[in-house]
N, C-alpha and C. Protein backbone atom coordinates (compact mmCIF):
# COMPACT_ATOMS: atom_id res chain seq x y z
N MET A 1 124.90 67.36 129.40
CA MET A 1 126.26 67.66 128.93
C MET A 1 126.94 68.59 129.93
N THR A 2 128.04 68.15 130.48
CA THR A 2 128.78 68.95 131.45
C THR A 2 129.83 69.80 130.74
N ILE A 3 129.93 71.05 131.15
CA ILE A 3 130.93 71.97 130.61
C ILE A 3 132.17 71.91 131.49
N SER A 4 133.32 71.66 130.89
CA SER A 4 134.57 71.60 131.66
C SER A 4 134.99 73.00 132.08
N LEU A 5 135.92 73.07 133.04
CA LEU A 5 136.41 74.37 133.49
C LEU A 5 137.12 75.13 132.36
N ASP A 6 137.86 74.41 131.52
CA ASP A 6 138.54 75.07 130.40
C ASP A 6 137.52 75.62 129.41
N GLU A 7 136.45 74.86 129.16
CA GLU A 7 135.41 75.33 128.25
C GLU A 7 134.68 76.54 128.83
N ARG A 8 134.43 76.51 130.13
CA ARG A 8 133.80 77.65 130.80
C ARG A 8 134.66 78.89 130.66
N ASP A 9 135.95 78.74 130.94
CA ASP A 9 136.85 79.88 130.88
C ASP A 9 136.96 80.43 129.45
N ALA A 10 136.92 79.54 128.47
CA ALA A 10 136.99 79.98 127.07
C ALA A 10 135.77 80.81 126.71
N LEU A 11 134.60 80.39 127.21
CA LEU A 11 133.38 81.16 126.93
C LEU A 11 133.48 82.56 127.52
N TYR A 12 133.91 82.66 128.78
CA TYR A 12 134.03 83.97 129.39
C TYR A 12 135.07 84.83 128.69
N LYS A 13 136.15 84.21 128.22
CA LYS A 13 137.16 84.96 127.47
C LYS A 13 136.55 85.57 126.21
N VAL A 14 135.74 84.79 125.51
CA VAL A 14 135.09 85.29 124.30
C VAL A 14 134.14 86.44 124.63
N ILE A 15 133.36 86.28 125.68
CA ILE A 15 132.41 87.33 126.07
C ILE A 15 133.13 88.63 126.41
N TYR A 16 134.17 88.53 127.23
CA TYR A 16 134.85 89.74 127.70
C TYR A 16 135.74 90.37 126.64
N SER A 17 136.13 89.62 125.62
CA SER A 17 137.00 90.17 124.58
C SER A 17 136.24 90.54 123.31
N ARG A 18 134.92 90.35 123.30
CA ARG A 18 134.11 90.76 122.14
C ARG A 18 134.14 92.28 122.04
N ARG A 19 134.29 92.75 120.81
CA ARG A 19 134.31 94.20 120.58
C ARG A 19 133.44 94.56 119.38
N ASP A 20 132.94 95.78 119.37
CA ASP A 20 132.26 96.33 118.21
C ASP A 20 133.35 96.91 117.31
N VAL A 21 133.67 96.19 116.25
CA VAL A 21 134.81 96.55 115.41
C VAL A 21 134.38 97.53 114.33
N ARG A 22 135.14 98.59 114.18
CA ARG A 22 134.81 99.62 113.20
C ARG A 22 135.89 99.78 112.13
N GLY A 23 137.17 99.79 112.54
CA GLY A 23 138.18 100.21 111.59
C GLY A 23 139.41 99.34 111.42
N GLN A 24 139.39 98.11 111.89
CA GLN A 24 140.60 97.29 111.83
C GLN A 24 140.47 96.12 110.86
N TYR A 25 139.55 96.19 109.93
CA TYR A 25 139.28 95.03 109.06
C TYR A 25 140.40 94.79 108.06
N LEU A 26 140.69 93.52 107.83
CA LEU A 26 141.62 93.09 106.79
C LEU A 26 140.81 92.70 105.56
N PRO A 27 141.39 92.77 104.38
CA PRO A 27 140.64 92.43 103.15
C PRO A 27 140.44 90.93 102.93
N ASP A 28 141.09 90.10 103.73
CA ASP A 28 141.00 88.66 103.53
C ASP A 28 139.56 88.17 103.60
N PRO A 29 139.12 87.37 102.63
CA PRO A 29 137.75 86.84 102.69
C PRO A 29 137.57 85.85 103.83
N VAL A 30 136.37 85.75 104.32
CA VAL A 30 136.04 84.77 105.37
C VAL A 30 135.74 83.44 104.68
N PRO A 31 136.47 82.37 105.00
CA PRO A 31 136.20 81.07 104.36
C PRO A 31 134.76 80.63 104.57
N GLU A 32 134.22 79.96 103.58
CA GLU A 32 132.82 79.53 103.63
C GLU A 32 132.53 78.66 104.84
N GLU A 33 133.45 77.75 105.17
CA GLU A 33 133.18 76.85 106.30
C GLU A 33 133.16 77.60 107.63
N VAL A 34 133.96 78.66 107.73
CA VAL A 34 133.96 79.48 108.94
C VAL A 34 132.66 80.27 109.03
N LEU A 35 132.27 80.89 107.92
CA LEU A 35 131.02 81.65 107.90
C LEU A 35 129.84 80.75 108.22
N ARG A 36 129.87 79.53 107.70
CA ARG A 36 128.79 78.58 107.96
C ARG A 36 128.69 78.26 109.45
N ARG A 37 129.82 78.08 110.12
CA ARG A 37 129.79 77.80 111.56
C ARG A 37 129.19 78.97 112.33
N VAL A 38 129.59 80.17 111.94
CA VAL A 38 129.09 81.36 112.62
C VAL A 38 127.58 81.51 112.43
N LEU A 39 127.11 81.30 111.20
CA LEU A 39 125.68 81.39 110.94
C LEU A 39 124.90 80.28 111.63
N ASP A 40 125.50 79.11 111.72
CA ASP A 40 124.82 78.01 112.40
C ASP A 40 124.70 78.29 113.89
N ALA A 41 125.72 78.93 114.46
CA ALA A 41 125.63 79.34 115.87
C ALA A 41 124.50 80.35 116.06
N ALA A 42 124.37 81.29 115.12
CA ALA A 42 123.29 82.27 115.19
C ALA A 42 121.94 81.57 115.09
N HIS A 43 121.86 80.57 114.24
CA HIS A 43 120.62 79.83 114.03
C HIS A 43 120.24 79.00 115.25
N HIS A 44 121.15 78.76 116.15
CA HIS A 44 120.87 78.01 117.37
C HIS A 44 120.59 78.93 118.56
N ALA A 45 120.28 80.17 118.30
CA ALA A 45 119.89 81.09 119.36
C ALA A 45 118.52 80.71 119.90
N PRO A 46 118.21 81.12 121.14
CA PRO A 46 116.87 80.89 121.66
C PRO A 46 115.85 81.75 120.93
N SER A 47 114.64 81.24 120.77
CA SER A 47 113.59 82.04 120.14
C SER A 47 112.25 81.72 120.79
N VAL A 48 111.44 82.74 120.92
CA VAL A 48 110.13 82.58 121.55
C VAL A 48 109.29 81.61 120.73
N GLY A 49 108.68 80.64 121.41
CA GLY A 49 107.84 79.67 120.75
C GLY A 49 108.57 78.83 119.71
N PHE A 50 109.90 78.83 119.77
CA PHE A 50 110.76 78.13 118.79
C PHE A 50 110.39 78.55 117.37
N MET A 51 110.04 79.82 117.19
CA MET A 51 109.60 80.29 115.88
C MET A 51 110.75 80.58 114.93
N GLN A 52 111.98 80.76 115.48
CA GLN A 52 113.16 80.99 114.64
C GLN A 52 112.87 82.05 113.57
N PRO A 53 112.60 83.28 113.98
CA PRO A 53 112.10 84.29 113.04
C PRO A 53 113.18 84.91 112.15
N TRP A 54 114.41 84.51 112.31
CA TRP A 54 115.53 85.16 111.63
C TRP A 54 115.79 84.63 110.22
N ASP A 55 116.34 85.50 109.40
CA ASP A 55 117.00 85.14 108.15
C ASP A 55 118.32 85.89 108.12
N PHE A 56 119.24 85.42 107.30
CA PHE A 56 120.58 86.02 107.22
C PHE A 56 120.90 86.32 105.76
N VAL A 57 121.09 87.58 105.44
CA VAL A 57 121.45 87.99 104.08
C VAL A 57 122.95 88.30 104.09
N VAL A 58 123.73 87.47 103.44
CA VAL A 58 125.19 87.66 103.38
C VAL A 58 125.51 88.49 102.13
N VAL A 59 126.22 89.58 102.32
CA VAL A 59 126.49 90.52 101.21
C VAL A 59 127.99 90.74 101.08
N ARG A 60 128.52 90.33 99.95
CA ARG A 60 129.93 90.59 99.63
C ARG A 60 130.06 91.65 98.54
N ASP A 61 129.05 91.80 97.71
CA ASP A 61 129.10 92.69 96.56
C ASP A 61 129.35 94.14 97.01
N LEU A 62 130.40 94.74 96.46
CA LEU A 62 130.80 96.08 96.89
C LEU A 62 129.75 97.13 96.52
N ALA A 63 129.09 96.96 95.39
CA ALA A 63 128.08 97.94 94.97
C ALA A 63 126.90 97.95 95.93
N VAL A 64 126.50 96.79 96.41
CA VAL A 64 125.40 96.71 97.37
C VAL A 64 125.83 97.32 98.69
N ARG A 65 127.03 97.01 99.11
CA ARG A 65 127.52 97.58 100.37
C ARG A 65 127.70 99.09 100.27
N GLN A 66 127.97 99.58 99.07
CA GLN A 66 128.04 101.03 98.89
C GLN A 66 126.68 101.68 99.14
N GLN A 67 125.61 101.01 98.75
CA GLN A 67 124.27 101.53 99.04
C GLN A 67 124.02 101.57 100.54
N ILE A 68 124.48 100.54 101.25
CA ILE A 68 124.35 100.53 102.70
C ILE A 68 125.16 101.67 103.31
N LYS A 69 126.35 101.88 102.79
CA LYS A 69 127.22 102.97 103.25
C LYS A 69 126.53 104.32 103.08
N GLU A 70 125.90 104.52 101.94
CA GLU A 70 125.20 105.78 101.69
C GLU A 70 124.03 105.97 102.66
N GLY A 71 123.35 104.87 102.97
CA GLY A 71 122.28 104.93 103.96
C GLY A 71 122.81 105.30 105.33
N PHE A 72 123.97 104.74 105.67
CA PHE A 72 124.61 105.11 106.94
C PHE A 72 124.96 106.58 106.97
N GLU A 73 125.57 107.08 105.90
CA GLU A 73 126.01 108.48 105.88
C GLU A 73 124.84 109.44 106.08
N ALA A 74 123.70 109.11 105.48
CA ALA A 74 122.52 109.97 105.64
C ALA A 74 122.04 109.97 107.09
N ALA A 75 121.94 108.78 107.69
CA ALA A 75 121.49 108.69 109.08
C ALA A 75 122.52 109.26 110.04
N HIS A 76 123.79 109.11 109.70
CA HIS A 76 124.88 109.64 110.52
C HIS A 76 124.81 111.15 110.60
N ALA A 77 124.53 111.79 109.47
CA ALA A 77 124.39 113.25 109.45
C ALA A 77 123.20 113.70 110.29
N GLU A 78 122.10 112.95 110.19
CA GLU A 78 120.93 113.26 111.01
C GLU A 78 121.26 113.16 112.50
N ALA A 79 121.99 112.10 112.85
CA ALA A 79 122.32 111.87 114.25
C ALA A 79 123.21 112.98 114.80
N ALA A 80 124.17 113.44 113.99
CA ALA A 80 125.08 114.48 114.46
C ALA A 80 124.32 115.73 114.86
N ASP A 81 123.27 116.05 114.13
CA ASP A 81 122.48 117.25 114.43
C ASP A 81 121.69 117.13 115.72
N MET A 82 121.60 115.93 116.27
CA MET A 82 120.87 115.74 117.54
C MET A 82 121.72 116.08 118.76
N PHE A 83 123.04 116.20 118.55
CA PHE A 83 123.93 116.54 119.66
C PHE A 83 124.21 118.03 119.64
N ASP A 84 124.58 118.56 120.80
CA ASP A 84 124.85 119.99 120.91
C ASP A 84 126.35 120.27 120.94
N GLY A 85 126.74 121.38 120.32
CA GLY A 85 128.06 121.95 120.47
C GLY A 85 129.22 120.99 120.30
N ALA A 86 130.10 120.97 121.33
CA ALA A 86 131.32 120.17 121.28
C ALA A 86 131.02 118.69 121.15
N LYS A 87 129.91 118.26 121.73
CA LYS A 87 129.57 116.85 121.66
C LYS A 87 129.25 116.44 120.22
N ARG A 88 128.68 117.35 119.45
CA ARG A 88 128.39 117.07 118.05
C ARG A 88 129.69 116.83 117.28
N GLU A 89 130.69 117.68 117.50
CA GLU A 89 131.96 117.51 116.81
C GLU A 89 132.67 116.24 117.28
N ARG A 90 132.54 115.94 118.55
CA ARG A 90 133.14 114.70 119.07
C ARG A 90 132.50 113.49 118.41
N TYR A 91 131.18 113.52 118.29
CA TYR A 91 130.47 112.43 117.64
C TYR A 91 130.94 112.26 116.20
N ARG A 92 131.08 113.36 115.48
CA ARG A 92 131.50 113.30 114.08
C ARG A 92 132.91 112.73 113.92
N SER A 93 133.72 112.84 114.98
CA SER A 93 135.10 112.38 114.88
C SER A 93 135.23 110.86 115.04
N PHE A 94 134.18 110.20 115.52
CA PHE A 94 134.25 108.78 115.78
C PHE A 94 134.13 107.97 114.48
N LYS A 95 134.88 106.89 114.40
CA LYS A 95 134.72 105.91 113.32
C LYS A 95 133.66 104.93 113.79
N LEU A 96 132.50 104.93 113.12
CA LEU A 96 131.36 104.17 113.62
C LEU A 96 130.93 103.01 112.73
N GLU A 97 131.68 102.73 111.67
CA GLU A 97 131.31 101.61 110.80
C GLU A 97 132.49 101.19 109.95
N GLY A 98 132.39 99.97 109.40
CA GLY A 98 133.40 99.44 108.49
C GLY A 98 132.74 98.76 107.31
N ILE A 99 131.69 99.38 106.79
CA ILE A 99 130.84 98.76 105.77
C ILE A 99 131.62 98.37 104.53
N LEU A 100 132.49 99.24 104.07
CA LEU A 100 133.27 98.96 102.87
C LEU A 100 134.60 98.30 103.19
N GLU A 101 135.14 98.53 104.37
CA GLU A 101 136.43 97.94 104.74
C GLU A 101 136.32 96.45 105.01
N ALA A 102 135.23 96.03 105.66
CA ALA A 102 135.04 94.61 105.94
C ALA A 102 134.77 93.87 104.62
N PRO A 103 135.21 92.62 104.51
CA PRO A 103 134.99 91.89 103.25
C PRO A 103 133.54 91.45 103.04
N ALA A 104 132.73 91.52 104.09
CA ALA A 104 131.33 91.09 103.95
C ALA A 104 130.46 91.78 104.98
N GLY A 105 129.18 91.80 104.69
CA GLY A 105 128.18 92.26 105.64
C GLY A 105 127.11 91.20 105.77
N ILE A 106 126.49 91.14 106.93
CA ILE A 106 125.38 90.20 107.17
C ILE A 106 124.21 91.00 107.72
N CYS A 107 123.08 90.91 107.06
CA CYS A 107 121.86 91.52 107.58
C CYS A 107 121.04 90.43 108.26
N VAL A 108 120.76 90.62 109.54
CA VAL A 108 119.90 89.72 110.30
C VAL A 108 118.51 90.33 110.35
N THR A 109 117.51 89.54 109.97
CA THR A 109 116.15 90.05 109.89
C THR A 109 115.22 89.29 110.81
N CYS A 110 113.98 89.77 110.90
CA CYS A 110 112.94 89.10 111.69
C CYS A 110 111.67 89.01 110.86
N ASP A 111 111.22 87.79 110.65
CA ASP A 111 109.94 87.54 109.96
C ASP A 111 108.88 87.35 111.05
N ARG A 112 108.12 88.39 111.33
CA ARG A 112 107.17 88.37 112.44
C ARG A 112 105.95 87.51 112.14
N SER A 113 105.82 87.04 110.90
CA SER A 113 104.67 86.21 110.51
C SER A 113 105.04 84.73 110.41
N ARG A 114 106.25 84.38 110.74
CA ARG A 114 106.76 83.05 110.44
C ARG A 114 105.92 81.93 111.04
N SER A 115 105.45 82.08 112.23
CA SER A 115 104.70 81.00 112.88
C SER A 115 103.22 81.32 113.05
N GLY A 116 102.73 82.27 112.26
CA GLY A 116 101.33 82.65 112.37
C GLY A 116 101.12 83.76 113.37
N GLU A 117 99.88 84.12 113.56
CA GLU A 117 99.57 85.27 114.42
C GLU A 117 99.73 84.96 115.90
N VAL A 118 99.44 83.72 116.31
CA VAL A 118 99.52 83.36 117.72
C VAL A 118 100.75 82.46 117.91
N VAL A 119 101.70 82.95 118.70
CA VAL A 119 102.94 82.24 118.95
C VAL A 119 103.11 82.06 120.45
N ILE A 120 103.48 80.86 120.86
CA ILE A 120 103.72 80.61 122.29
C ILE A 120 104.77 81.60 122.80
N GLY A 121 104.45 82.29 123.88
CA GLY A 121 105.40 83.21 124.48
C GLY A 121 105.35 84.62 123.94
N ARG A 122 104.61 84.84 122.85
CA ARG A 122 104.53 86.17 122.26
C ARG A 122 103.15 86.79 122.48
N THR A 123 102.28 86.12 123.18
CA THR A 123 100.90 86.57 123.31
C THR A 123 100.77 87.83 124.17
N ALA A 124 101.53 87.91 125.26
CA ALA A 124 101.45 89.09 126.13
C ALA A 124 102.39 90.19 125.68
N ASN A 125 103.51 89.80 125.06
CA ASN A 125 104.52 90.76 124.64
C ASN A 125 104.90 90.48 123.18
N PRO A 126 104.21 91.11 122.24
CA PRO A 126 104.40 90.78 120.83
C PRO A 126 105.79 91.08 120.29
N GLU A 127 106.57 91.89 121.00
CA GLU A 127 107.91 92.23 120.52
C GLU A 127 108.94 91.14 120.79
N MET A 128 108.51 90.04 121.44
CA MET A 128 109.46 88.99 121.79
C MET A 128 110.12 88.35 120.57
N ASP A 129 109.46 88.37 119.41
CA ASP A 129 110.09 87.81 118.21
C ASP A 129 111.28 88.67 117.78
N LEU A 130 111.18 89.98 117.93
CA LEU A 130 112.30 90.86 117.62
C LEU A 130 113.47 90.59 118.57
N TYR A 131 113.15 90.40 119.84
CA TYR A 131 114.21 90.08 120.80
C TYR A 131 114.88 88.76 120.45
N SER A 132 114.10 87.83 119.93
CA SER A 132 114.68 86.54 119.53
C SER A 132 115.72 86.73 118.44
N SER A 133 115.43 87.59 117.48
CA SER A 133 116.40 87.86 116.41
C SER A 133 117.65 88.53 116.96
N VAL A 134 117.49 89.36 117.99
CA VAL A 134 118.65 89.97 118.63
C VAL A 134 119.50 88.90 119.31
N CYS A 135 118.87 87.88 119.86
CA CYS A 135 119.63 86.76 120.43
C CYS A 135 120.48 86.08 119.36
N ALA A 136 119.94 85.98 118.14
CA ALA A 136 120.71 85.42 117.03
C ALA A 136 121.92 86.30 116.71
N VAL A 137 121.74 87.61 116.79
CA VAL A 137 122.85 88.55 116.58
C VAL A 137 123.95 88.29 117.62
N GLN A 138 123.55 88.13 118.86
CA GLN A 138 124.53 87.91 119.93
C GLN A 138 125.27 86.59 119.74
N ASN A 139 124.54 85.54 119.39
CA ASN A 139 125.20 84.26 119.13
C ASN A 139 126.21 84.39 117.99
N LEU A 140 125.80 85.07 116.93
CA LEU A 140 126.68 85.27 115.79
C LEU A 140 127.95 86.02 116.21
N TRP A 141 127.77 87.05 116.99
CA TRP A 141 128.88 87.89 117.42
C TRP A 141 129.88 87.11 118.25
N LEU A 142 129.38 86.31 119.20
CA LEU A 142 130.28 85.54 120.06
C LEU A 142 130.97 84.43 119.28
N ALA A 143 130.24 83.78 118.38
CA ALA A 143 130.85 82.74 117.55
C ALA A 143 131.93 83.34 116.67
N ALA A 144 131.66 84.51 116.11
CA ALA A 144 132.65 85.18 115.28
C ALA A 144 133.91 85.50 116.09
N ARG A 145 133.73 85.97 117.30
CA ARG A 145 134.91 86.29 118.14
C ARG A 145 135.71 85.02 118.42
N ALA A 146 135.03 83.90 118.64
CA ALA A 146 135.72 82.63 118.87
C ALA A 146 136.49 82.19 117.63
N GLU A 147 136.09 82.67 116.46
CA GLU A 147 136.78 82.37 115.20
C GLU A 147 137.81 83.45 114.86
N ASN A 148 138.04 84.38 115.83
CA ASN A 148 138.95 85.52 115.64
C ASN A 148 138.50 86.43 114.50
N LEU A 149 137.20 86.54 114.34
CA LEU A 149 136.60 87.47 113.39
C LEU A 149 136.06 88.68 114.14
N GLY A 150 136.22 89.84 113.54
CA GLY A 150 135.63 91.03 114.10
C GLY A 150 134.23 91.25 113.55
N VAL A 151 133.36 91.80 114.37
CA VAL A 151 131.99 92.14 113.96
C VAL A 151 131.68 93.55 114.43
N GLY A 152 131.02 94.32 113.57
CA GLY A 152 130.57 95.65 113.95
C GLY A 152 129.10 95.82 113.58
N TRP A 153 128.29 96.21 114.54
CA TRP A 153 126.85 96.41 114.31
C TRP A 153 126.63 97.86 113.88
N VAL A 154 126.15 98.04 112.66
CA VAL A 154 125.86 99.39 112.16
C VAL A 154 124.38 99.66 112.38
N SER A 155 124.09 100.36 113.46
CA SER A 155 122.70 100.65 113.81
C SER A 155 122.25 102.01 113.31
N ILE A 156 123.20 102.82 112.82
CA ILE A 156 122.87 104.17 112.37
C ILE A 156 122.49 104.10 110.89
N ILE A 157 121.31 103.58 110.64
CA ILE A 157 120.79 103.47 109.28
C ILE A 157 119.30 103.17 109.36
N HIS A 158 118.52 103.76 108.49
CA HIS A 158 117.08 103.53 108.51
C HIS A 158 116.75 102.20 107.83
N HIS A 159 115.78 101.50 108.40
CA HIS A 159 115.41 100.18 107.88
C HIS A 159 115.04 100.22 106.39
N ASP A 160 114.37 101.28 105.97
CA ASP A 160 113.94 101.35 104.57
C ASP A 160 115.12 101.35 103.60
N ARG A 161 116.24 101.97 104.00
CA ARG A 161 117.42 101.96 103.15
C ARG A 161 117.99 100.55 103.01
N VAL A 162 117.95 99.80 104.10
CA VAL A 162 118.43 98.42 104.06
C VAL A 162 117.50 97.56 103.21
N ARG A 163 116.19 97.73 103.40
CA ARG A 163 115.21 96.99 102.59
C ARG A 163 115.44 97.24 101.10
N GLN A 164 115.61 98.48 100.75
CA GLN A 164 115.77 98.85 99.35
C GLN A 164 117.05 98.24 98.77
N ALA A 165 118.14 98.32 99.50
CA ALA A 165 119.42 97.83 99.00
C ALA A 165 119.43 96.32 98.83
N LEU A 166 118.72 95.62 99.72
CA LEU A 166 118.77 94.15 99.73
C LEU A 166 117.52 93.48 99.17
N GLY A 167 116.54 94.27 98.76
CA GLY A 167 115.31 93.69 98.22
C GLY A 167 114.53 92.91 99.26
N ILE A 168 114.52 93.39 100.48
CA ILE A 168 113.83 92.71 101.59
C ILE A 168 112.33 93.04 101.52
N PRO A 169 111.47 92.03 101.60
CA PRO A 169 110.02 92.29 101.56
C PRO A 169 109.58 93.22 102.69
N GLU A 170 108.50 93.93 102.45
CA GLU A 170 108.03 94.94 103.39
C GLU A 170 107.69 94.37 104.76
N HIS A 171 107.20 93.12 104.82
CA HIS A 171 106.78 92.57 106.11
C HIS A 171 107.95 92.02 106.93
N ILE A 172 109.14 92.02 106.36
CA ILE A 172 110.33 91.55 107.07
C ILE A 172 111.03 92.74 107.72
N VAL A 173 111.41 92.60 108.98
CA VAL A 173 112.06 93.68 109.72
C VAL A 173 113.57 93.49 109.71
N PRO A 174 114.34 94.42 109.12
CA PRO A 174 115.79 94.36 109.26
C PRO A 174 116.18 94.68 110.71
N VAL A 175 116.86 93.78 111.36
CA VAL A 175 117.22 93.96 112.77
C VAL A 175 118.65 94.49 112.92
N ALA A 176 119.57 93.96 112.12
CA ALA A 176 120.97 94.36 112.28
C ALA A 176 121.73 94.23 110.98
N TRP A 177 122.53 95.25 110.67
CA TRP A 177 123.55 95.11 109.63
C TRP A 177 124.88 94.92 110.35
N LEU A 178 125.53 93.80 110.09
CA LEU A 178 126.78 93.45 110.76
C LEU A 178 127.92 93.40 109.76
N CYS A 179 128.95 94.18 110.00
CA CYS A 179 130.19 94.05 109.23
C CYS A 179 130.97 92.88 109.84
N ILE A 180 131.57 92.05 109.01
CA ILE A 180 132.29 90.89 109.53
C ILE A 180 133.54 90.63 108.72
N GLY A 181 134.62 90.29 109.41
CA GLY A 181 135.88 89.99 108.74
C GLY A 181 137.01 89.84 109.74
N TYR A 182 138.13 89.34 109.25
CA TYR A 182 139.33 89.27 110.09
C TYR A 182 139.85 90.69 110.32
N VAL A 183 140.53 90.87 111.44
CA VAL A 183 141.00 92.20 111.83
C VAL A 183 142.48 92.17 112.19
N SER A 184 143.10 93.34 112.17
CA SER A 184 144.51 93.44 112.52
C SER A 184 144.72 93.32 114.02
N PHE A 185 143.74 93.75 114.79
CA PHE A 185 143.81 93.61 116.26
C PHE A 185 142.43 93.89 116.84
N PHE A 186 142.26 93.47 118.09
CA PHE A 186 141.06 93.79 118.86
C PHE A 186 141.45 94.76 119.97
N HIS A 187 140.65 95.79 120.17
CA HIS A 187 140.90 96.72 121.26
C HIS A 187 140.73 96.02 122.61
N GLU A 188 141.55 96.45 123.58
CA GLU A 188 141.47 95.87 124.92
C GLU A 188 140.16 96.24 125.60
N THR A 189 139.67 97.43 125.35
CA THR A 189 138.40 97.90 125.92
C THR A 189 137.60 98.54 124.79
N PRO A 190 136.27 98.66 124.95
CA PRO A 190 135.45 99.29 123.92
C PRO A 190 135.96 100.68 123.55
N GLU A 191 135.88 101.01 122.26
CA GLU A 191 136.44 102.26 121.78
C GLU A 191 135.78 103.49 122.39
N LEU A 192 134.46 103.45 122.57
CA LEU A 192 133.78 104.60 123.16
C LEU A 192 134.15 104.78 124.64
N GLU A 193 134.47 103.66 125.30
CA GLU A 193 134.96 103.75 126.67
C GLU A 193 136.36 104.38 126.67
N GLN A 194 137.21 103.94 125.74
CA GLN A 194 138.56 104.52 125.63
C GLN A 194 138.50 106.01 125.36
N ALA A 195 137.55 106.41 124.52
CA ALA A 195 137.45 107.82 124.13
C ALA A 195 136.85 108.70 125.22
N GLY A 196 136.36 108.08 126.29
CA GLY A 196 135.76 108.85 127.37
C GLY A 196 134.34 109.30 127.09
N TRP A 197 133.71 108.69 126.07
CA TRP A 197 132.33 109.05 125.75
C TRP A 197 131.39 108.65 126.88
N LEU A 198 131.55 107.42 127.35
CA LEU A 198 130.80 106.93 128.50
C LEU A 198 131.66 105.89 129.23
N PRO A 199 131.52 105.78 130.56
CA PRO A 199 132.26 104.75 131.30
C PRO A 199 131.47 103.45 131.35
N ARG A 200 132.16 102.37 131.69
CA ARG A 200 131.43 101.13 131.98
C ARG A 200 130.79 101.26 133.35
N LEU A 201 129.51 100.99 133.44
CA LEU A 201 128.80 101.10 134.72
C LEU A 201 129.20 99.96 135.64
N ALA A 202 129.15 100.21 136.93
CA ALA A 202 129.50 99.19 137.93
C ALA A 202 128.34 98.20 138.06
N LEU A 203 128.66 96.93 138.03
CA LEU A 203 127.63 95.89 138.13
C LEU A 203 126.82 96.04 139.40
N ASP A 204 127.47 96.38 140.52
CA ASP A 204 126.75 96.49 141.79
C ASP A 204 125.68 97.57 141.76
N ASP A 205 125.83 98.55 140.88
CA ASP A 205 124.83 99.61 140.76
C ASP A 205 123.63 99.18 139.93
N LEU A 206 123.73 98.03 139.28
CA LEU A 206 122.70 97.59 138.34
C LEU A 206 121.95 96.34 138.81
N VAL A 207 122.40 95.74 139.89
CA VAL A 207 121.77 94.51 140.39
C VAL A 207 120.86 94.85 141.56
N HIS A 208 119.61 94.42 141.44
CA HIS A 208 118.62 94.66 142.50
C HIS A 208 118.18 93.30 143.07
N GLN A 209 117.94 93.28 144.35
CA GLN A 209 117.52 92.05 145.01
C GLN A 209 116.04 92.14 145.40
N GLU A 210 115.25 91.21 144.92
CA GLU A 210 113.84 91.07 145.26
C GLU A 210 112.95 92.16 144.64
N GLN A 211 113.29 93.42 144.84
CA GLN A 211 112.54 94.50 144.22
C GLN A 211 113.50 95.58 143.71
N TRP A 212 112.99 96.50 142.88
CA TRP A 212 113.82 97.57 142.32
C TRP A 212 114.41 98.43 143.44
């Protein structure tokens, strides 16, 4: 299958315009057929040994999302104490999630037992199944952007809080809580870059030829 120049350019546009959305969510629900396309794109991510270790828990219920919000607030307070002085106050000033503002959340998980103990490609590096689930997150994120949906990854939360809120079995690893919904606008550049928290690194400083 050959990719046309227009299709290539569309893909790069999606990649470069993807943002971690925190505060611009609209209350409009995501239509089922749109959500299905986004989840199907996630399900077509690459996975080690074709084990497809992911599951997707779609959460619209406000009471459940409130539990996730409380888990975030606890971890957020812990994180603030890890920074010193002015940086701590700067961190506290950032809007870092849209758990209640977004009309839905999606928890992406990893079932590390899905294909048994021995999986092609996971023998030398057992964490490859977790990386596979992260690939599903990336596919979901890009597909959502192509649907003009915003996505925000809430990583500041302990896995046990997510397990408890969603009834996830102990052997399943919560990989990502994603807020998803239509937004009023997308930022031109990442918010933390705009805020001067960190700059975008130059590609030439990160590419090595032959050896490190």
